[in-house]
Amino acid sequence: MLRRATCLFCATGLFFLAVGMPLAEGVTIEFNTDSGGLLVGGSPTTVLNGVTVQSSVVDGRMQFRFLGDLTLNSDFVLAVGSRPLSLWAGND
């Protein structure tokens, strides 16, 4: 009985600690399907998390090709434009 009470006390404490902590802020990643541009945190780039990204229209879709692993941690991902979005990862 004492063990159960201790576990409930610890779980309750962890819950209140987690609720009081702010969520980790991610970076906004924006894929533009009209221009083929990539914005990370509002800045244009051709590299995401150390991986080179290329884009071109394939079968009417704007395809972004990651020449390595595609890793999206706690990021916010947006797609803007009139074409469908295609993400292709060369490694993972």
C-alpha atoms as a PDB file:
ATOM      1  CA  MET A   1       0.000   0.000   0.000  1.00  0.00           C
ATOM      2  CA  LEU A   2       2.858   2.360   0.837  1.00  0.00           C
ATOM      3  CA  ARG A   3       4.528   1.612  -2.504  1.00  0.00           C
ATOM      4  CA  ARG A   4       1.339   2.498  -4.406  1.00  0.00           C
ATOM      5  CA  ALA A   5       0.971   5.763  -2.485  1.00  0.00           C
ATOM      6  CA  THR A   6       4.592   6.638  -3.241  1.00  0.00           C
ATOM      7  CA  CYS A   7       4.098   5.941  -6.955  1.00  0.00           C
ATOM      8  CA  LEU A   8       0.941   8.076  -7.040  1.00  0.00           C
ATOM      9  CA  PHE A   9       2.748  10.897  -5.252  1.00  0.00           C
ATOM     10  CA  CYS A  10       5.671  10.755  -7.712  1.00  0.00           C
ATOM     11  CA  ALA A  11       3.368  10.586 -10.743  1.00  0.00           C
ATOM     12  CA  THR A  12       1.346  13.562  -9.493  1.00  0.00           C
ATOM     13  CA  GLY A  13       4.522  15.568  -8.925  1.00  0.00           C
ATOM     14  CA  LEU A  14       5.817  14.763 -12.405  1.00  0.00           C
ATOM     15  CA  PHE A  15       2.472  15.741 -13.943  1.00  0.00           C
ATOM     16  CA  PHE A  16       2.494  19.167 -12.294  1.00  0.00           C
ATOM     17  CA  LEU A  17       6.143  19.653 -13.221  1.00  0.00           C
ATOM     18  CA  ALA A  18       5.441  18.764 -16.875  1.00  0.00           C
ATOM     19  CA  VAL A  19       2.370  21.010 -17.092  1.00  0.00           C
ATOM     20  CA  GLY A  20       4.311  23.953 -15.697  1.00  0.00           C
ATOM     21  CA  MET A  21       7.173  23.589 -18.176  1.00  0.00           C
ATOM     22  CA  PRO A  22       6.896  25.362 -21.554  1.00  0.00           C
ATOM     23  CA  LEU A  23       6.898  23.196 -24.661  1.00  0.00           C
ATOM     24  CA  ALA A  24      10.094  23.118 -26.699  1.00  0.00           C
ATOM     25  CA  GLU A  25       9.871  25.620 -29.493  1.00  0.00           C
ATOM     26  CA  GLY A  26      10.485  24.264 -32.939  1.00  0.00           C
ATOM     27  CA  VAL A  27      11.612  25.952 -36.099  1.00  0.00           C
ATOM     28  CA  THR A  28       9.147  26.718 -38.895  1.00  0.00           C
ATOM     29  CA  ILE A  29      10.036  24.893 -42.109  1.00  0.00           C
ATOM     30  CA  GLU A  30       8.158  26.208 -45.159  1.00  0.00           C
ATOM     31  CA  PHE A  31       8.089  24.386 -48.500  1.00  0.00           C
ATOM     32  CA  ASN A  32       6.946  26.602 -51.397  1.00  0.00           C
ATOM     33  CA  THR A  33       5.463  24.364 -54.082  1.00  0.00           C
ATOM     34  CA  ASP A  34       5.313  27.165 -56.665  1.00  0.00           C
ATOM     35  CA  SER A  35       8.923  28.370 -56.522  1.00  0.00           C
ATOM     36  CA  GLY A  36      10.610  25.255 -55.094  1.00  0.00           C
ATOM     37  CA  GLY A  37      12.005  27.397 -52.311  1.00  0.00           C
ATOM     38  CA  LEU A  38      12.680  26.243 -48.770  1.00  0.00           C
ATOM     39  CA  LEU A  39      12.547  28.593 -45.774  1.00  0.00           C
ATOM     40  CA  VAL A  40      13.857  27.554 -42.369  1.00  0.00           C
ATOM     41  CA  GLY A  41      13.044  30.005 -39.623  1.00  0.00           C
ATOM     42  CA  GLY A  42      12.117  32.548 -42.308  1.00  0.00           C
ATOM     43  CA  SER A  43      15.485  32.354 -44.099  1.00  0.00           C
ATOM     44  CA  PRO A  44      15.954  30.753 -47.534  1.00  0.00           C
ATOM     45  CA  THR A  45      18.229  27.720 -47.557  1.00  0.00           C
ATOM     46  CA  THR A  46      19.169  24.576 -49.487  1.00  0.00           C
ATOM     47  CA  VAL A  47      20.268  22.648 -46.385  1.00  0.00           C
ATOM     48  CA  LEU A  48      18.043  21.217 -43.638  1.00  0.00           C
ATOM     49  CA  ASN A  49      19.641  19.676 -40.527  1.00  0.00           C
ATOM     50  CA  GLY A  50      22.934  19.327 -42.409  1.00  0.00           C
ATOM     51  CA  VAL A  51      21.351  17.607 -45.428  1.00  0.00           C
ATOM     52  CA  THR A  52      21.340  19.165 -48.906  1.00  0.00           C
ATOM     53  CA  VAL A  53      17.856  19.666 -50.385  1.00  0.00           C
ATOM     54  CA  GLN A  54      17.064  19.958 -54.102  1.00  0.00           C
ATOM     55  CA  SER A  55      13.681  20.677 -55.673  1.00  0.00           C
ATOM     56  CA  SER A  56      12.047  20.178 -59.056  1.00  0.00           C
ATOM     57  CA  VAL A  57       8.623  19.504 -60.566  1.00  0.00           C
ATOM     58  CA  VAL A  58       7.935  15.765 -60.972  1.00  0.00           C
ATOM     59  CA  ASP A  59       4.597  14.654 -62.461  1.00  0.00           C
ATOM     60  CA  GLY A  60       3.009  17.993 -61.571  1.00  0.00           C
ATOM     61  CA  ARG A  61       4.200  17.894 -57.950  1.00  0.00           C
ATOM     62  CA  MET A  62       6.994  19.949 -56.433  1.00  0.00           C
ATOM     63  CA  GLN A  63       9.394  17.367 -55.123  1.00  0.00           C
ATOM     64  CA  PHE A  64      11.963  18.248 -52.467  1.00  0.00           C
ATOM     65  CA  ARG A  65      14.774  15.690 -52.471  1.00  0.00           C
ATOM     66  CA  PHE A  66      16.824  15.258 -49.310  1.00  0.00           C
ATOM     67  CA  LEU A  67      20.253  13.857 -50.206  1.00  0.00           C
ATOM     68  CA  GLY A  68      20.432  11.983 -46.897  1.00  0.00           C
ATOM     69  CA  ASP A  69      18.149  11.550 -43.889  1.00  0.00           C
ATOM     70  CA  LEU A  70      14.943  13.531 -43.552  1.00  0.00           C
ATOM     71  CA  THR A  71      14.764  14.595 -39.901  1.00  0.00           C
ATOM     72  CA  LEU A  72      11.971  16.799 -38.583  1.00  0.00           C
ATOM     73  CA  ASN A  73      12.379  17.070 -34.815  1.00  0.00           C
ATOM     74  CA  SER A  74       9.921  19.344 -33.035  1.00  0.00           C
ATOM     75  CA  ASP A  75       9.577  21.543 -36.081  1.00  0.00           C
ATOM     76  CA  PHE A  76       6.483  23.137 -37.613  1.00  0.00           C
ATOM     77  CA  VAL A  77       6.135  22.160 -41.275  1.00  0.00           C
ATOM     78  CA  LEU A  78       4.157  24.266 -43.742  1.00  0.00           C
ATOM     79  CA  ALA A  79       3.487  23.783 -47.442  1.00  0.00           C
ATOM     80  CA  VAL A  80       2.433  26.827 -49.448  1.00  0.00           C
ATOM     81  CA  GLY A  81       1.698  27.103 -53.153  1.00  0.00           C
ATOM     82  CA  SER A  82      -0.584  25.640 -55.788  1.00  0.00           C
ATOM     83  CA  ARG A  83       1.236  22.348 -56.510  1.00  0.00           C
ATOM     84  CA  PRO A  84       1.077  19.201 -54.377  1.00  0.00           C
ATOM     85  CA  LEU A  85       4.103  18.603 -52.135  1.00  0.00           C
ATOM     86  CA  SER A  86       6.333  15.557 -52.455  1.00  0.00           C
ATOM     87  CA  LEU A  87       9.139  14.819 -49.955  1.00  0.00           C
ATOM     88  CA  TRP A  88      11.783  12.286 -50.978  1.00  0.00           C
ATOM     89  CA  ALA A  89      14.576  11.109 -48.678  1.00  0.00           C
ATOM     90  CA  GLY A  90      17.653   9.486 -50.140  1.00  0.00           C
ATOM     91  CA  ASN A  91      18.691   7.648 -46.997  1.00  0.00           C
ATOM     92  CA  ASP A  92      15.932   7.301 -44.418  1.00  0.00           C
END
